[in-house]
């Protein structure tokens, strides 16, 4: 039976794709018995893990399952689906006892809180996710996690599902990418089963995780169905977790009533990790891949790959393959020689001219004003900020900066001290400095 099940899954996945396989078949369909009969086709008995899985598989996959069984066994078969909510079938003998198998959850068992690296960029989202997992339906409902692709939103949502199943085994967790939700809804409409589709979420799901909700933006029918499901689950105290690339207010094509429902919960963002956090993520993933990466190489990769953890994973996979092929220790020289396309050399620091231009654009003043002798407040502060940023970002000395700005050494020192003191007193000025520094260091337009 194990041989049959293995071949069955391989062939069926090639027919229906890995998405439906992972969403429906692996967590919801289990082989019970094979019954040979000399006078009739072989009878293959499956059991489904819930009425929800039974109805969906029966409506959408029954023909593919029969065809796959026939292909594996090489002759005609009959297929029986048993499960919760179906008519009780008479006991049938089996060739051998079916192996005891616990249904595979819809969440990824490998994505848990224990292997999620926490830093300043994600510590609030991490704490909120743990709060939801420990007390689903009672705090932060809905929980809306947003941030750029590849920063850990999906990891956190799966971790919530795994922790809920661990602490509250009586609750049913359903994880769906928004595209999966859309595809299932389309099938329900095609089969005129809209109400049944909604009812499954109302009755069979206690914790719903919808990943990448921006996918349904502008799909009016999908948004309508989602709104009704959201309302029904919320009124029954069921937990909803949503992830998105953008906060609700930036999802301009999303129906206003959905957007306001999302905003009534807790919104938490996941920012790009700093170098220290990225190094910690890199070290953990390298350890899992059994890669020995020196700290200087870790630092170099973490410095250059900052936008996405998924991008970091791609770099590590290629580094691992190159290391295995060339059988050479991983060093900085090896990194730059073999991965120069993925790890380009660092860009040169911006020049004083560029910094002045960026500051002038930000404060809506002219470059000639910053470099000139006029001293009104609306020009004096941008001039001081430009001097401060030039000192902070470039390797220029005070006298060199003075010559670039047409000022003496003491004027530059005074400007730098003035900006630093203002930033220490006012966090808004500190944030303004950080923003301007990013603008100055950013790519040239």
Protein backbone atom coordinates (compact mmCIF):
# COMPACT_ATOMS: atom_id res chain seq x y z
CA UNK A 1 0.00 0.00 0.00
CA UNK A 2 2.87 2.38 0.71
CA UNK A 3 4.22 1.76 -2.79
CA UNK A 4 0.77 2.40 -4.28
CA UNK A 5 0.33 5.61 -2.24
CA UNK A 6 3.73 6.94 -3.27
CA UNK A 7 3.10 6.34 -6.98
CA UNK A 8 -0.47 7.65 -6.66
CA UNK A 9 0.71 10.96 -5.14
CA UNK A 10 3.45 11.44 -7.73
CA UNK A 11 1.12 10.90 -10.70
CA UNK A 12 -1.79 12.87 -9.24
CA UNK A 13 0.46 15.86 -8.48
CA UNK A 14 1.63 15.89 -12.11
CA UNK A 15 -2.03 16.18 -13.13
CA UNK A 16 -3.40 18.72 -10.66
CA UNK A 17 -0.28 20.68 -9.70
CA UNK A 18 1.52 21.09 -6.39
CA UNK A 19 -0.81 23.87 -5.14
CA UNK A 20 -3.98 21.74 -4.97
CA UNK A 21 -1.87 18.78 -3.88
CA UNK A 22 -0.54 20.66 -0.85
CA UNK A 23 -3.80 22.46 -0.09
CA UNK A 24 -6.22 19.54 -0.40
CA UNK A 25 -4.82 16.09 -1.09
CA UNK A 26 -1.92 15.74 1.33
CA UNK A 27 -3.78 17.19 4.33
CA UNK A 28 -7.20 15.81 3.43
CA UNK A 29 -7.00 12.42 1.66
CA UNK A 30 -5.67 9.15 3.12
CA UNK A 31 -5.56 5.63 1.73
CA UNK A 32 -7.53 3.08 3.79
CA UNK A 33 -7.45 -0.11 1.74
CA UNK A 34 -7.06 -1.86 -1.59
CA UNK A 35 -9.53 -4.70 -2.15
CA UNK A 36 -8.69 -7.14 -4.94
CA UNK A 37 -11.60 -9.06 -6.46
CA UNK A 38 -11.41 -11.61 -9.28
CA UNK A 39 -14.97 -10.91 -10.41
CA UNK A 40 -15.00 -7.12 -10.11
CA UNK A 41 -12.68 -4.10 -10.38
CA UNK A 42 -10.29 -3.44 -7.51
CA UNK A 43 -11.94 -1.30 -4.85
CA UNK A 44 -9.78 1.54 -3.54
CA UNK A 45 -11.03 3.13 -0.31
CA UNK A 46 -9.90 6.60 0.77
CA UNK A 47 -10.82 8.55 3.87
CA UNK A 48 -11.02 12.34 4.03
CA UNK A 49 -10.02 14.31 7.12
CA UNK A 50 -13.07 16.61 7.20
CA UNK A 51 -16.39 17.28 5.51
CA UNK A 52 -14.80 20.32 3.91
CA UNK A 53 -12.04 18.23 2.33
CA UNK A 54 -14.53 15.49 1.37
CA UNK A 55 -16.88 17.85 -0.46
CA UNK A 56 -14.14 19.71 -2.30
CA UNK A 57 -12.23 16.59 -3.37
CA UNK A 58 -15.46 14.85 -4.45
CA UNK A 59 -16.53 17.88 -6.50
CA UNK A 60 -13.19 18.73 -8.08
CA UNK A 61 -10.79 15.77 -8.04
CA UNK A 62 -12.82 12.55 -8.10
CA UNK A 63 -12.29 11.88 -11.81
CA UNK A 64 -8.54 12.53 -11.53
CA UNK A 65 -8.31 10.21 -8.51
CA UNK A 66 -10.09 7.37 -10.33
CA UNK A 67 -7.90 7.85 -13.39
CA UNK A 68 -4.72 7.92 -11.31
CA UNK A 69 -5.67 4.73 -9.42
CA UNK A 70 -6.32 3.01 -12.73
CA UNK A 71 -2.96 4.19 -14.06
CA UNK A 72 -1.04 2.98 -10.99
CA UNK A 73 -2.73 -0.45 -10.84
CA UNK A 74 -2.94 -0.99 -14.58
CA UNK A 75 -6.62 -1.98 -14.65
CA UNK A 76 -10.09 -0.66 -13.87
CA UNK A 77 -10.87 0.32 -10.28
CA UNK A 78 -13.75 1.63 -8.22
CA UNK A 79 -13.02 4.41 -5.76
CA UNK A 80 -14.85 5.08 -2.51
CA UNK A 81 -14.45 8.27 -0.47
CA UNK A 82 -15.24 7.96 3.21
CA UNK A 83 -15.11 10.75 5.73
CA UNK A 84 -16.85 13.00 8.21
CA UNK A 85 -20.34 13.89 7.08
CA UNK A 86 -20.62 11.01 4.58
CA UNK A 87 -22.85 8.00 4.84
CA UNK A 88 -21.33 5.29 7.02
CA UNK A 89 -19.83 2.60 4.87
CA UNK A 90 -20.01 -1.05 5.76
CA UNK A 91 -16.73 -2.41 7.15
CA UNK A 92 -14.47 -3.79 4.46
CA UNK A 93 -11.55 -6.20 4.83
CA UNK A 94 -8.09 -4.94 3.99
CA UNK A 95 -4.99 -6.61 2.66
CA UNK A 96 -3.01 -5.13 5.51
CA UNK A 97 -3.66 -2.56 8.24
CA UNK A 98 -3.42 0.99 6.98
CA UNK A 99 -0.44 2.79 8.51
CA UNK A 100 -1.39 5.25 11.22
CA UNK A 101 -0.92 8.70 9.75
CA UNK A 102 -1.64 12.05 11.25
CA UNK A 103 -3.10 14.44 8.68
CA UNK A 104 -0.51 16.87 7.38
CA UNK A 105 -1.57 20.38 8.43
CA UNK A 106 -2.13 23.12 5.90
CA UNK A 107 0.71 25.08 7.51
CA UNK A 108 4.36 24.32 6.87
CA UNK A 109 5.77 22.40 9.83
CA UNK A 110 9.24 23.84 9.17
CA UNK A 111 8.16 27.47 9.69
CA UNK A 112 7.89 27.96 13.45
CA UNK A 113 8.67 30.70 15.95
CA UNK A 114 11.72 28.80 17.17
CA UNK A 115 13.58 29.27 13.88
CA UNK A 116 12.39 32.82 13.19
CA UNK A 117 15.21 35.31 13.72
CA UNK A 118 13.99 38.35 15.68
CA UNK A 119 15.50 41.81 15.28
CA UNK A 120 14.42 45.42 15.54
CA UNK A 121 12.93 45.14 12.08
CA UNK A 122 10.34 42.54 13.09
CA UNK A 123 10.21 42.30 16.89
CA UNK A 124 6.76 43.90 17.22
CA UNK A 125 5.27 41.72 14.48
CA UNK A 126 6.82 38.67 16.15
CA UNK A 127 5.39 39.56 19.58
CA UNK A 128 1.93 40.25 18.14
CA UNK A 129 1.99 36.93 16.26
CA UNK A 130 2.81 35.02 19.44
CA UNK A 131 -0.03 36.84 21.22
CA UNK A 132 -2.49 35.77 18.54
CA UNK A 133 -1.22 32.17 18.52
CA UNK A 134 -1.59 31.84 22.27
CA UNK A 135 -5.05 33.40 22.45
CA UNK A 136 -6.66 33.12 18.99
CA UNK A 137 -9.87 35.02 18.42
CA UNK A 138 -9.51 37.15 21.54
CA UNK A 139 -6.64 39.56 20.87
CA UNK A 140 -5.59 41.41 17.72
CA UNK A 141 -8.37 40.16 15.47
CA UNK A 142 -7.74 40.49 12.61
CA UNK A 143 -3.95 40.59 12.66
CA UNK A 144 -2.65 42.31 9.52
CA UNK A 145 1.06 41.79 8.77
CA UNK A 146 2.54 43.84 5.94
CA UNK A 147 5.96 44.41 4.42
CA UNK A 148 7.94 43.87 1.24
CA UNK A 149 8.32 40.45 -0.32
CA UNK A 150 10.71 38.03 1.33
CA UNK A 151 10.96 39.61 4.79
CA UNK A 152 9.23 36.90 6.84
CA UNK A 153 5.47 37.58 6.68
CA UNK A 154 4.73 34.07 5.43
CA UNK A 155 7.06 32.56 8.04
CA UNK A 156 5.21 34.38 10.83
CA UNK A 157 1.79 33.33 9.53
CA UNK A 158 2.80 29.66 9.34
CA UNK A 159 4.38 29.94 12.79
CA UNK A 160 1.07 31.20 14.17
CA UNK A 161 -0.72 28.22 12.64
CA UNK A 162 1.79 25.75 14.05
CA UNK A 163 1.64 27.28 17.55
CA UNK A 164 -2.19 27.28 17.49
CA UNK A 165 -2.22 23.58 16.58
CA UNK A 166 0.26 22.90 19.36
CA UNK A 167 -1.56 24.85 22.09
CA UNK A 168 -5.15 24.44 20.87
CA UNK A 169 -5.40 21.07 19.09
CA UNK A 170 -9.21 21.30 19.03
CA UNK A 171 -9.03 24.29 16.66
CA UNK A 172 -8.84 23.92 12.88
CA UNK A 173 -6.27 26.07 11.09
CA UNK A 174 -6.61 26.87 7.40
CA UNK A 175 -3.74 28.53 5.52
CA UNK A 176 -4.46 29.79 2.02
CA UNK A 177 -2.56 32.01 -0.34
CA UNK A 178 -5.00 34.62 -1.65
CA UNK A 179 -4.64 33.14 -5.12
CA UNK A 180 -5.72 29.75 -3.77
CA UNK A 181 -8.76 31.40 -2.17
CA UNK A 182 -9.60 32.99 -5.52
CA UNK A 183 -9.23 29.71 -7.43
CA UNK A 184 -11.37 27.79 -4.95
CA UNK A 185 -14.03 30.46 -5.07
CA UNK A 186 -14.09 30.32 -8.88
CA UNK A 187 -14.62 26.55 -8.72
CA UNK A 188 -17.44 27.05 -6.23
CA UNK A 189 -19.12 29.54 -8.57
CA UNK A 190 -18.71 27.17 -11.51
CA UNK A 191 -20.31 24.40 -9.46
CA UNK A 192 -23.01 26.72 -8.09
CA UNK A 193 -21.77 26.04 -4.59
CA UNK A 194 -21.27 29.60 -3.31
CA UNK A 195 -23.14 29.09 -0.08
CA UNK A 196 -21.36 25.81 0.60
CA UNK A 197 -18.04 27.58 -0.01
CA UNK A 198 -18.87 30.25 2.59
CA UNK A 199 -20.27 27.67 5.01
CA UNK A 200 -17.03 25.73 5.03
CA UNK A 201 -15.21 28.71 6.51
CA UNK A 202 -18.03 29.43 8.96
CA UNK A 203 -18.22 25.91 10.35
CA UNK A 204 -14.96 24.10 9.61
CA UNK A 205 -12.30 26.77 10.17
CA UNK A 206 -11.35 28.38 13.49
CA UNK A 207 -8.18 30.18 12.38
CA UNK A 208 -7.98 31.49 8.81
CA UNK A 209 -4.62 32.65 7.42
CA UNK A 210 -4.78 34.51 4.11
CA UNK A 211 -1.37 35.23 2.59
CA UNK A 212 -0.69 38.00 0.03
CA UNK A 213 -4.15 39.54 0.21
CA UNK A 214 -3.15 42.14 -2.39
CA UNK A 215 -3.81 39.45 -5.00
CA UNK A 216 -7.59 39.83 -4.61
CA UNK A 217 -7.46 43.62 -4.92
CA UNK A 218 -9.88 44.75 -7.61
CA UNK A 219 -11.55 41.31 -7.98
CA UNK A 220 -15.03 42.39 -6.95
CA UNK A 221 -16.67 38.98 -6.64
CA UNK A 222 -13.76 37.58 -4.63
CA UNK A 223 -13.80 40.62 -2.34
CA UNK A 224 -17.55 40.17 -1.81
CA UNK A 225 -17.17 36.52 -0.82
CA UNK A 226 -14.24 37.38 1.42
CA UNK A 227 -16.25 40.13 3.11
CA UNK A 228 -19.07 37.72 4.00
CA UNK A 229 -16.61 35.13 5.31
CA UNK A 230 -14.77 37.80 7.29
CA UNK A 231 -18.00 39.02 8.88
CA UNK A 232 -19.18 35.51 9.75
CA UNK A 233 -15.89 34.44 11.27
CA UNK A 234 -15.40 37.69 13.20
CA UNK A 235 -18.89 37.57 14.69
CA UNK A 236 -18.20 34.00 15.88
CA UNK A 237 -14.91 34.97 17.53
CA UNK A 238 -12.75 33.13 15.00
CA UNK A 239 -9.23 34.36 14.32
CA UNK A 240 -8.17 35.89 11.00
CA UNK A 241 -4.55 36.59 10.01
CA UNK A 242 -3.81 38.50 6.81
CA UNK A 243 -0.51 39.31 5.13
CA UNK A 244 0.12 41.86 2.40
CA UNK A 245 2.91 43.71 0.64
CA UNK A 246 1.22 46.99 1.59
CA UNK A 247 -0.83 48.34 4.53
CA UNK A 248 -4.61 48.46 3.93
CA UNK A 249 -4.61 52.20 3.20
CA UNK A 250 -2.31 51.59 0.19
CA UNK A 251 -4.57 48.93 -1.32
CA UNK A 252 -6.48 51.53 -3.31
CA UNK A 253 -8.47 49.05 -5.42
CA UNK A 254 -9.67 47.09 -2.39
CA UNK A 255 -13.33 47.56 -1.48
CA UNK A 256 -13.59 50.22 1.26
CA UNK A 257 -15.66 47.98 3.53
CA UNK A 258 -12.93 45.32 3.43
CA UNK A 259 -10.19 47.88 3.95
CA UNK A 260 -11.91 49.28 7.04
CA UNK A 261 -12.41 45.76 8.44
CA UNK A 262 -8.69 45.07 8.06
CA UNK A 263 -7.81 48.37 9.71
CA UNK A 264 -9.99 47.66 12.74
CA UNK A 265 -7.52 45.01 13.86
CA UNK A 266 -3.82 45.30 14.65
CA UNK A 267 -1.52 46.40 11.82
CA UNK A 268 2.13 45.36 12.18
CA UNK A 269 4.90 45.86 9.67
CA UNK A 270 8.02 43.87 8.88
CA UNK A 271 10.94 46.05 7.80
CA UNK A 272 14.10 45.04 5.91
CA UNK A 273 16.56 43.62 8.44
CA UNK A 274 19.60 45.55 9.57
CA UNK A 275 23.05 44.07 9.01
CA UNK A 276 23.16 42.40 12.44
CA UNK A 277 19.79 40.70 11.98
CA UNK A 278 20.66 39.63 8.44
CA UNK A 279 23.90 38.10 9.71
CA UNK A 280 21.95 36.15 12.34
CA UNK A 281 19.53 34.90 9.67
CA UNK A 282 22.43 33.98 7.40
CA UNK A 283 24.24 32.12 10.19
CA UNK A 284 21.15 30.08 11.05
CA UNK A 285 20.43 29.16 7.43
CA UNK A 286 24.10 28.35 6.77
CA UNK A 287 24.10 26.06 9.80
CA UNK A 288 21.03 24.26 8.49
CA UNK A 289 22.80 23.82 5.13
CA UNK A 290 26.00 22.70 6.91
CA UNK A 291 27.98 25.54 5.38
CA UNK A 292 31.02 26.91 7.17
CA UNK A 293 30.95 30.63 6.38
CA UNK A 294 33.54 32.87 8.10
CA UNK A 295 32.28 35.98 9.84
CA UNK A 296 33.86 38.37 7.33
CA UNK A 297 32.04 36.61 4.49
CA UNK A 298 28.80 36.69 6.50
CA UNK A 299 29.22 40.41 7.04
CA UNK A 300 29.92 41.07 3.37
CA UNK A 301 26.84 39.13 2.22
CA UNK A 302 24.63 40.71 4.89
CA UNK A 303 25.80 44.17 3.89
CA UNK A 304 25.10 43.66 0.20
CA UNK A 305 21.88 41.57 0.40
CA UNK A 306 19.47 43.63 2.48
CA UNK A 307 16.19 43.72 0.60
CA UNK A 308 14.91 40.16 1.05
CA UNK A 309 15.56 37.02 3.07
CA UNK A 310 14.54 35.02 0.00
CA UNK A 311 17.29 36.74 -1.97
CA UNK A 312 19.67 35.75 0.81
CA UNK A 313 18.53 32.12 0.54
CA UNK A 314 19.24 32.22 -3.20
CA UNK A 315 22.75 33.51 -2.55
CA UNK A 316 23.39 30.77 0.00
CA UNK A 317 22.13 28.03 -2.33
CA UNK A 318 24.43 29.15 -5.10
CA UNK A 319 27.33 29.57 -2.70
CA UNK A 320 26.74 26.02 -1.45
CA UNK A 321 26.67 24.63 -5.00
CA UNK A 322 29.86 26.45 -5.98
CA UNK A 323 31.59 25.35 -2.79
CA UNK A 324 30.67 21.72 -3.47
CA UNK A 325 31.74 21.91 -7.12
CA UNK A 326 35.10 23.60 -6.65
CA UNK A 327 35.85 22.00 -3.26
CA UNK A 328 37.34 25.29 -2.13
CA UNK A 329 36.92 26.92 1.31
CA UNK A 330 34.47 29.81 1.38
CA UNK A 331 36.52 32.99 1.70
CA UNK A 332 36.08 36.60 0.63
CA UNK A 333 38.30 35.95 -2.38
CA UNK A 334 36.14 32.94 -3.34
CA UNK A 335 32.98 35.00 -2.89
CA UNK A 336 34.12 37.83 -5.14
CA UNK A 337 35.65 35.50 -7.72
CA UNK A 338 32.71 33.12 -8.09
CA UNK A 339 29.71 35.33 -7.23
CA UNK A 340 30.61 38.77 -8.51
CA UNK A 341 27.31 38.92 -10.43
CA UNK A 342 25.23 38.36 -7.27
CA UNK A 343 27.52 40.20 -4.86
CA UNK A 344 28.68 43.29 -6.76
CA UNK A 345 31.39 45.47 -5.24
CA UNK A 346 30.08 48.19 -2.94
CA UNK A 347 29.06 51.43 -4.61
CA UNK A 348 31.36 54.38 -3.94
CA UNK A 349 30.11 56.81 -1.30
CA UNK A 350 28.16 59.80 -2.63
CA UNK A 351 30.05 62.99 -3.35
CA UNK A 352 29.49 66.32 -1.63
CA UNK A 353 27.83 67.62 -4.80
CA UNK A 354 25.32 64.78 -4.79
CA UNK A 355 24.52 65.28 -1.11
CA UNK A 356 23.89 68.98 -1.68
CA UNK A 357 21.59 68.17 -4.60
CA UNK A 358 19.58 65.61 -2.56
CA UNK A 359 19.23 68.00 0.40
CA UNK A 360 18.17 70.85 -1.90
CA UNK A 361 15.50 68.64 -3.51
CA UNK A 362 14.22 67.50 -0.12
CA UNK A 363 13.85 71.03 1.30
CA UNK A 364 12.71 72.59 -2.01
CA UNK A 365 15.54 75.12 -2.16
CA UNK A 366 18.12 75.78 -4.84
CA UNK A 367 21.66 74.39 -4.74
CA UNK A 368 22.94 77.93 -5.22
CA UNK A 369 21.12 78.94 -2.01
CA UNK A 370 22.86 76.22 0.01
CA UNK A 371 26.26 77.17 -1.38
CA UNK A 372 25.59 80.92 -1.26
CA UNK A 373 25.88 83.48 1.55
CA UNK A 374 22.21 84.15 2.35
CA UNK A 375 21.22 83.15 5.91
CA UNK A 376 17.41 83.00 6.26
CA UNK A 377 16.16 80.10 8.38
CA UNK A 378 14.69 78.22 5.43
CA UNK A 379 18.19 78.07 3.91
CA UNK A 380 20.43 77.95 6.99
CA UNK A 381 19.03 74.63 8.22
CA UNK A 382 19.32 72.80 4.85
CA UNK A 383 22.88 74.17 4.55
CA UNK A 384 23.78 72.86 8.02
CA UNK A 385 22.14 69.50 7.24
CA UNK A 386 24.09 69.19 4.00
CA UNK A 387 27.37 69.88 5.83
CA UNK A 388 26.49 67.36 8.54
CA UNK A 389 25.58 64.62 6.04
CA UNK A 390 28.73 65.30 4.00
CA UNK A 391 30.81 64.83 7.15
CA UNK A 392 28.88 61.68 8.14
CA UNK A 393 28.78 59.95 4.76
CA UNK A 394 32.00 60.94 3.02
CA UNK A 395 35.64 60.72 4.06
CA UNK A 396 36.13 64.47 3.71
CA UNK A 397 37.73 66.43 6.56
CA UNK A 398 36.25 69.62 8.04
CA UNK A 399 38.57 71.86 5.97
CA UNK A 400 37.74 69.94 2.78
CA UNK A 401 34.01 70.26 3.46
CA UNK A 402 34.50 73.95 4.16
CA UNK A 403 36.14 74.45 0.77
CA UNK A 404 33.31 72.53 -0.95
CA UNK A 405 30.73 74.82 0.69
CA UNK A 406 32.76 78.02 0.51
CA UNK A 407 32.98 78.19 4.33
CA UNK A 408 35.74 77.99 6.92
CA UNK A 409 36.53 75.03 9.14
CA UNK A 410 34.78 76.41 12.25
CA UNK A 411 31.51 77.02 10.37
CA UNK A 412 31.38 73.37 9.30
CA UNK A 413 32.10 72.16 12.85
CA UNK A 414 29.37 74.43 14.23
CA UNK A 415 26.85 73.12 11.65
CA UNK A 416 27.63 69.49 12.48
CA UNK A 417 27.34 70.07 16.22
CA UNK A 418 24.08 72.00 15.76
CA UNK A 419 22.44 69.21 13.75
CA UNK A 420 23.66 66.48 16.13
CA UNK A 421 22.36 68.37 19.20
CA UNK A 422 18.99 68.95 17.52
CA UNK A 423 18.73 65.25 16.65
CA UNK A 424 19.48 64.25 20.26
CA UNK A 425 16.59 66.44 21.46
CA UNK A 426 14.06 65.70 18.74
CA UNK A 427 13.43 62.17 17.41
CA UNK A 428 11.70 63.67 14.37
CA UNK A 429 14.96 65.31 13.33
CA UNK A 430 16.77 62.00 13.86
CA UNK A 431 14.25 60.36 11.54
CA UNK A 432 14.74 63.19 9.04
CA UNK A 433 18.50 62.58 9.07
CA UNK A 434 17.98 58.85 8.48
CA UNK A 435 15.67 59.57 5.55
CA UNK A 436 18.08 62.04 3.96
CA UNK A 437 20.98 59.65 4.41
CA UNK A 438 19.05 56.94 2.56
CA UNK A 439 18.23 59.41 -0.21
CA UNK A 440 21.87 60.43 -0.52
CA UNK A 441 23.12 56.86 -0.56
CA UNK A 442 20.38 55.62 -2.90
CA UNK A 443 20.79 54.89 -6.60
CA UNK A 444 21.45 57.77 -8.91
CA UNK A 445 18.31 58.79 -10.76
